[in-house]
Amino acid sequence: MAVDGLVLVTPEEAARRLSLGRTTVYGLISAGALESVRIGRSRRVPVAALDRYVERMASDGPEQGDG
């Protein structure tokens, strides 16, 4: 996902890259499902963490309980 050379992105940018809502990304961060770092008062998400999150979701397969 690091096509633009960025190492860290804001949660809002992470949400855009994942096609999710900002609140969902903050929830993933709070739950520990998506890594993030604090720099001063700011929260940033490593682009590599976005890649790892997508890989984990892809390897988990389809969600259970839909039928």
PDB file of N, CA and C in Angstrom:
ATOM      1  N   MET A   1       0.796  -1.208   0.000  1.00  0.00           N
ATOM      2  CA  MET A   1       0.000   0.000   0.000  1.00  0.00           C
ATOM      3  C   MET A   1       0.840   1.275   0.000  1.00  0.00           C
ATOM      4  N   ALA A   2       2.121   1.153   0.203  1.00  0.00           N
ATOM      5  CA  ALA A   2       2.975   2.326   0.322  1.00  0.00           C
ATOM      6  C   ALA A   2       3.391   2.856  -1.048  1.00  0.00           C
ATOM      7  N   VAL A   3       2.423   3.156  -1.886  1.00  0.00           N
ATOM      8  CA  VAL A   3       2.723   3.629  -3.229  1.00  0.00           C
ATOM      9  C   VAL A   3       3.213   5.070  -3.241  1.00  0.00           C
ATOM     10  N   ASP A   4       2.916   5.823  -2.197  1.00  0.00           N
ATOM     11  CA  ASP A   4       3.304   7.229  -2.157  1.00  0.00           C
ATOM     12  C   ASP A   4       4.547   7.487  -1.316  1.00  0.00           C
ATOM     13  N   GLY A   5       5.166   6.454  -0.785  1.00  0.00           N
ATOM     14  CA  GLY A   5       6.378   6.601  -0.010  1.00  0.00           C
ATOM     15  C   GLY A   5       6.178   6.962   1.450  1.00  0.00           C
ATOM     16  N   LEU A   6       4.931   7.106   1.906  1.00  0.00           N
ATOM     17  CA  LEU A   6       4.675   7.431   3.307  1.00  0.00           C
ATOM     18  C   LEU A   6       4.911   6.217   4.191  1.00  0.00           C
ATOM     19  N   VAL A   7       5.407   6.465   5.379  1.00  0.00           N
ATOM     20  CA  VAL A   7       5.616   5.403   6.358  1.00  0.00           C
ATOM     21  C   VAL A   7       4.473   5.385   7.357  1.00  0.00           C
ATOM     22  N   LEU A   8       3.982   6.565   7.725  1.00  0.00           N
ATOM     23  CA  LEU A   8       2.889   6.700   8.679  1.00  0.00           C
ATOM     24  C   LEU A   8       1.772   7.520   8.046  1.00  0.00           C
ATOM     25  N   VAL A   9       0.534   7.155   8.373  1.00  0.00           N
ATOM     26  CA  VAL A   9      -0.618   7.916   7.896  1.00  0.00           C
ATOM     27  C   VAL A   9      -1.542   8.208   9.071  1.00  0.00           C
ATOM     28  N   THR A  10      -2.381   9.213   8.910  1.00  0.00           N
ATOM     29  CA  THR A  10      -3.368   9.522   9.940  1.00  0.00           C
ATOM     30  C   THR A  10      -4.445   8.434   9.937  1.00  0.00           C
ATOM     31  N   PRO A  11      -5.189   8.301  11.020  1.00  0.00           N
ATOM     32  CA  PRO A  11      -6.304   7.347  11.015  1.00  0.00           C
ATOM     33  C   PRO A  11      -7.313   7.640   9.899  1.00  0.00           C
ATOM     34  N   GLU A  12      -7.495   8.905   9.577  1.00  0.00           N
ATOM     35  CA  GLU A  12      -8.415   9.266   8.497  1.00  0.00           C
ATOM     36  C   GLU A  12      -7.914   8.752   7.153  1.00  0.00           C
ATOM     37  N   GLU A  13      -6.607   8.894   6.905  1.00  0.00           N
ATOM     38  CA  GLU A  13      -6.020   8.379   5.669  1.00  0.00           C
ATOM     39  C   GLU A  13      -6.047   6.852   5.667  1.00  0.00           C
ATOM     40  N   ALA A  14      -5.810   6.238   6.822  1.00  0.00           N
ATOM     41  CA  ALA A  14      -5.899   4.774   6.918  1.00  0.00           C
ATOM     42  C   ALA A  14      -7.311   4.314   6.559  1.00  0.00           C
ATOM     43  N   ALA A  15      -8.308   5.058   7.024  1.00  0.00           N
ATOM     44  CA  ALA A  15      -9.698   4.720   6.718  1.00  0.00           C
ATOM     45  C   ALA A  15      -9.945   4.789   5.218  1.00  0.00           C
ATOM     46  N   ARG A  16      -9.441   5.822   4.568  1.00  0.00           N
ATOM     47  CA  ARG A  16      -9.606   5.942   3.112  1.00  0.00           C
ATOM     48  C   ARG A  16      -8.926   4.794   2.388  1.00  0.00           C
ATOM     49  N   ARG A  17      -7.714   4.457   2.824  1.00  0.00           N
ATOM     50  CA  ARG A  17      -6.966   3.376   2.167  1.00  0.00           C
ATOM     51  C   ARG A  17      -7.650   2.028   2.340  1.00  0.00           C
ATOM     52  N   LEU A  18      -8.328   1.834   3.465  1.00  0.00           N
ATOM     53  CA  LEU A  18      -9.017   0.566   3.728  1.00  0.00           C
ATOM     54  C   LEU A  18     -10.474   0.593   3.282  1.00  0.00           C
ATOM     55  N   SER A  19     -10.938   1.730   2.793  1.00  0.00           N
ATOM     56  CA  SER A  19     -12.352   1.917   2.422  1.00  0.00           C
ATOM     57  C   SER A  19     -13.275   1.651   3.606  1.00  0.00           C
ATOM     58  N   LEU A  20     -12.888   2.187   4.750  1.00  0.00           N
ATOM     59  CA  LEU A  20     -13.658   2.072   5.985  1.00  0.00           C
ATOM     60  C   LEU A  20     -13.952   3.469   6.509  1.00  0.00           C
ATOM     61  N   GLY A  21     -14.827   3.531   7.484  1.00  0.00           N
ATOM     62  CA  GLY A  21     -15.102   4.792   8.142  1.00  0.00           C
ATOM     63  C   GLY A  21     -14.043   5.104   9.185  1.00  0.00           C
ATOM     64  N   ARG A  22     -13.910   6.386   9.484  1.00  0.00           N
ATOM     65  CA  ARG A  22     -12.940   6.837  10.480  1.00  0.00           C
ATOM     66  C   ARG A  22     -13.209   6.198  11.836  1.00  0.00           C
ATOM     67  N   THR A  23     -14.484   6.130  12.237  1.00  0.00           N
ATOM     68  CA  THR A  23     -14.846   5.543  13.523  1.00  0.00           C
ATOM     69  C   THR A  23     -14.470   4.071  13.574  1.00  0.00           C
ATOM     70  N   THR A  24     -14.637   3.366  12.466  1.00  0.00           N
ATOM     71  CA  THR A  24     -14.272   1.954  12.414  1.00  0.00           C
ATOM     72  C   THR A  24     -12.772   1.789  12.616  1.00  0.00           C
ATOM     73  N   VAL A  25     -11.976   2.637  11.987  1.00  0.00           N
ATOM     74  CA  VAL A  25     -10.522   2.550  12.144  1.00  0.00           C
ATOM     75  C   VAL A  25     -10.123   2.827  13.585  1.00  0.00           C
ATOM     76  N   TYR A  26     -10.721   3.844  14.204  1.00  0.00           N
ATOM     77  CA  TYR A  26     -10.408   4.105  15.612  1.00  0.00           C
ATOM     78  C   TYR A  26     -10.823   2.917  16.485  1.00  0.00           C
ATOM     79  N   GLY A  27     -11.923   2.259  16.150  1.00  0.00           N
ATOM     80  CA  GLY A  27     -12.339   1.061  16.880  1.00  0.00           C
ATOM     81  C   GLY A  27     -11.346  -0.070  16.724  1.00  0.00           C
ATOM     82  N   LEU A  28     -10.830  -0.264  15.505  1.00  0.00           N
ATOM     83  CA  LEU A  28      -9.815  -1.298  15.272  1.00  0.00           C
ATOM     84  C   LEU A  28      -8.548  -0.993  16.062  1.00  0.00           C
ATOM     85  N   ILE A  29      -8.175   0.274  16.119  1.00  0.00           N
ATOM     86  CA  ILE A  29      -6.997   0.672  16.900  1.00  0.00           C
ATOM     87  C   ILE A  29      -7.238   0.394  18.381  1.00  0.00           C
ATOM     88  N   SER A  30      -8.401   0.776  18.888  1.00  0.00           N
ATOM     89  CA  SER A  30      -8.717   0.567  20.308  1.00  0.00           C
ATOM     90  C   SER A  30      -8.743  -0.906  20.675  1.00  0.00           C
ATOM     91  N   ALA A  31      -9.232  -1.736  19.748  1.00  0.00           N
ATOM     92  CA  ALA A  31      -9.329  -3.180  19.988  1.00  0.00           C
ATOM     93  C   ALA A  31      -7.985  -3.884  19.824  1.00  0.00           C
ATOM     94  N   GLY A  32      -6.983  -3.172  19.315  1.00  0.00           N
ATOM     95  CA  GLY A  32      -5.677  -3.786  19.101  1.00  0.00           C
ATOM     96  C   GLY A  32      -5.580  -4.553  17.794  1.00  0.00           C
ATOM     97  N   ALA A  33      -6.597  -4.441  16.937  1.00  0.00           N
ATOM     98  CA  ALA A  33      -6.583  -5.152  15.652  1.00  0.00           C
ATOM     99  C   ALA A  33      -5.744  -4.419  14.611  1.00  0.00           C
ATOM    100  N   LEU A  34      -5.535  -3.133  14.812  1.00  0.00           N
ATOM    101  CA  LEU A  34      -4.735  -2.320  13.891  1.00  0.00           C
ATOM    102  C   LEU A  34      -3.712  -1.552  14.716  1.00  0.00           C
ATOM    103  N   GLU A  35      -2.449  -1.750  14.394  1.00  0.00           N
ATOM    104  CA  GLU A  35      -1.374  -1.090  15.135  1.00  0.00           C
ATOM    105  C   GLU A  35      -1.363   0.405  14.857  1.00  0.00           C
ATOM    106  N   SER A  36      -0.941   1.154  15.860  1.00  0.00           N
ATOM    107  CA  SER A  36      -0.762   2.595  15.687  1.00  0.00           C
ATOM    108  C   SER A  36       0.307   3.071  16.659  1.00  0.00           C
ATOM    109  N   VAL A  37       0.777   4.281  16.432  1.00  0.00           N
ATOM    110  CA  VAL A  37       1.772   4.890  17.310  1.00  0.00           C
ATOM    111  C   VAL A  37       1.310   6.294  17.670  1.00  0.00           C
ATOM    112  N   ARG A  38       1.758   6.749  18.832  1.00  0.00           N
ATOM    113  CA  ARG A  38       1.475   8.118  19.238  1.00  0.00           C
ATOM    114  C   ARG A  38       2.748   8.934  19.033  1.00  0.00           C
ATOM    115  N   ILE A  39       2.556  10.099  18.447  1.00  0.00           N
ATOM    116  CA  ILE A  39       3.647  11.055  18.294  1.00  0.00           C
ATOM    117  C   ILE A  39       3.115  12.349  18.875  1.00  0.00           C
ATOM    118  N   GLY A  40       3.572  12.655  20.075  1.00  0.00           N
ATOM    119  CA  GLY A  40       2.999  13.801  20.786  1.00  0.00           C
ATOM    120  C   GLY A  40       1.546  13.508  21.088  1.00  0.00           C
ATOM    121  N   ARG A  41       0.658  14.393  20.635  1.00  0.00           N
ATOM    122  CA  ARG A  41      -0.777  14.183  20.848  1.00  0.00           C
ATOM    123  C   ARG A  41      -1.445  13.546  19.635  1.00  0.00           C
ATOM    124  N   SER A  42      -0.655  13.236  18.608  1.00  0.00           N
ATOM    125  CA  SER A  42      -1.202  12.697  17.365  1.00  0.00           C
ATOM    126  C   SER A  42      -1.118  11.175  17.335  1.00  0.00           C
ATOM    127  N   ARG A  43      -2.045  10.566  16.644  1.00  0.00           N
ATOM    128  CA  ARG A  43      -2.068   9.120  16.426  1.00  0.00           C
ATOM    129  C   ARG A  43      -1.756   8.879  14.951  1.00  0.00           C
ATOM    130  N   ARG A  44      -0.842   7.954  14.678  1.00  0.00           N
ATOM    131  CA  ARG A  44      -0.495   7.611  13.305  1.00  0.00           C
ATOM    132  C   ARG A  44      -0.511   6.090  13.150  1.00  0.00           C
ATOM    133  N   VAL A  45      -0.822   5.650  11.943  1.00  0.00           N
ATOM    134  CA  VAL A  45      -0.880   4.221  11.632  1.00  0.00           C
ATOM    135  C   VAL A  45       0.243   3.915  10.647  1.00  0.00           C
ATOM    136  N   PRO A  46       1.130   2.974  10.991  1.00  0.00           N
ATOM    137  CA  PRO A  46       2.163   2.588  10.025  1.00  0.00           C
ATOM    138  C   PRO A  46       1.519   1.956   8.788  1.00  0.00           C
ATOM    139  N   VAL A  47       1.986   2.336   7.615  1.00  0.00           N
ATOM    140  CA  VAL A  47       1.456   1.771   6.383  1.00  0.00           C
ATOM    141  C   VAL A  47       1.653   0.257   6.379  1.00  0.00           C
ATOM    142  N   ALA A  48       2.770  -0.211   6.931  1.00  0.00           N
ATOM    143  CA  ALA A  48       3.013  -1.656   7.012  1.00  0.00           C
ATOM    144  C   ALA A  48       1.940  -2.345   7.857  1.00  0.00           C
ATOM    145  N   ALA A  49       1.409  -1.650   8.866  1.00  0.00           N
ATOM    146  CA  ALA A  49       0.347  -2.222   9.703  1.00  0.00           C
ATOM    147  C   ALA A  49      -0.934  -2.392   8.894  1.00  0.00           C
ATOM    148  N   LEU A  50      -1.186  -1.479   7.950  1.00  0.00           N
ATOM    149  CA  LEU A  50      -2.352  -1.633   7.076  1.00  0.00           C
ATOM    150  C   LEU A  50      -2.203  -2.889   6.226  1.00  0.00           C
ATOM    151  N   ASP A  51      -1.001  -3.102   5.692  1.00  0.00           N
ATOM    152  CA  ASP A  51      -0.744  -4.300   4.888  1.00  0.00           C
ATOM    153  C   ASP A  51      -0.947  -5.561   5.714  1.00  0.00           C
ATOM    154  N   ARG A  52      -0.416  -5.568   6.949  1.00  0.00           N
ATOM    155  CA  ARG A  52      -0.565  -6.748   7.818  1.00  0.00           C
ATOM    156  C   ARG A  52      -2.031  -6.993   8.162  1.00  0.00           C
ATOM    157  N   TYR A  53      -2.773  -5.932   8.418  1.00  0.00           N
ATOM    158  CA  TYR A  53      -4.195  -6.070   8.746  1.00  0.00           C
ATOM    159  C   TYR A  53      -4.954  -6.700   7.577  1.00  0.00           C
ATOM    160  N   VAL A  54      -4.715  -6.198   6.375  1.00  0.00           N
ATOM    161  CA  VAL A  54      -5.385  -6.746   5.196  1.00  0.00           C
ATOM    162  C   VAL A  54      -4.999  -8.213   4.990  1.00  0.00           C
ATOM    163  N   GLU A  55      -3.728  -8.549   5.167  1.00  0.00           N
ATOM    164  CA  GLU A  55      -3.282  -9.940   5.020  1.00  0.00           C
ATOM    165  C   GLU A  55      -3.977 -10.843   6.029  1.00  0.00           C
ATOM    166  N   ARG A  56      -4.103 -10.374   7.279  1.00  0.00           N
ATOM    167  CA  ARG A  56      -4.794 -11.172   8.305  1.00  0.00           C
ATOM    168  C   ARG A  56      -6.254 -11.378   7.941  1.00  0.00           C
ATOM    169  N   MET A  57      -6.907 -10.331   7.476  1.00  0.00           N
ATOM    170  CA  MET A  57      -8.320 -10.439   7.108  1.00  0.00           C
ATOM    171  C   MET A  57      -8.495 -11.386   5.926  1.00  0.00           C
ATOM    172  N   ALA A  58      -7.585 -11.334   4.969  1.00  0.00           N
ATOM    173  CA  ALA A  58      -7.666 -12.199   3.789  1.00  0.00           C
ATOM    174  C   ALA A  58      -7.421 -13.656   4.167  1.00  0.00           C
ATOM    175  N   SER A  59      -6.523 -13.904   5.113  1.00  0.00           N
ATOM    176  CA  SER A  59      -6.215 -15.283   5.487  1.00  0.00           C
ATOM    177  C   SER A  59      -7.266 -15.883   6.414  1.00  0.00           C
ATOM    178  N   ASP A  60      -8.072 -15.039   7.076  1.00  0.00           N
ATOM    179  CA  ASP A  60      -9.137 -15.541   7.950  1.00  0.00           C
ATOM    180  C   ASP A  60     -10.305 -16.103   7.159  1.00  0.00           C
ATOM    181  N   GLY A  61     -10.428 -15.738   5.900  1.00  0.00           N
ATOM    182  CA  GLY A  61     -11.520 -16.245   5.067  1.00  0.00           C
ATOM    183  C   GLY A  61     -12.802 -15.491   5.332  1.00  0.00           C
ATOM    184  N   PRO A  62     -13.907 -15.971   4.730  1.00  0.00           N
ATOM    185  CA  PRO A  62     -15.191 -15.290   4.915  1.00  0.00           C
ATOM    186  C   PRO A  62     -15.660 -15.357   6.357  1.00  0.00           C
ATOM    187  N   GLU A  63     -16.422 -14.328   6.743  1.00  0.00           N
ATOM    188  CA  GLU A  63     -16.925 -14.272   8.121  1.00  0.00           C
ATOM    189  C   GLU A  63     -17.933 -15.366   8.368  1.00  0.00           C
ATOM    190  N   GLN A  64     -17.952 -15.883   9.590  1.00  0.00           N
ATOM    191  CA  GLN A  64     -18.868 -16.933  10.000  1.00  0.00           C
ATOM    192  C   GLN A  64     -20.162 -16.324  10.489  1.00  0.00           C
ATOM    193  N   GLY A  65     -21.230 -17.094  10.491  1.00  0.00           N
ATOM    194  CA  GLY A  65     -22.477 -16.678  11.119  1.00  0.00           C
ATOM    195  C   GLY A  65     -23.457 -15.996  10.195  1.00  0.00           C
ATOM    196  N   ASP A  66     -23.229 -16.045   8.903  1.00  0.00           N
ATOM    197  CA  ASP A  66     -24.159 -15.401   7.980  1.00  0.00           C
ATOM    198  C   ASP A  66     -25.257 -16.344   7.484  1.00  0.00           C
ATOM    199  N   GLY A  67     -25.354 -17.499   8.033  1.00  0.00           N
ATOM    200  CA  GLY A  67     -26.362 -18.383   7.480  1.00  0.00           C
ATOM    201  C   GLY A  67     -26.847 -19.334   8.465  1.00  0.00           C
TER     202      GLY A  67
END
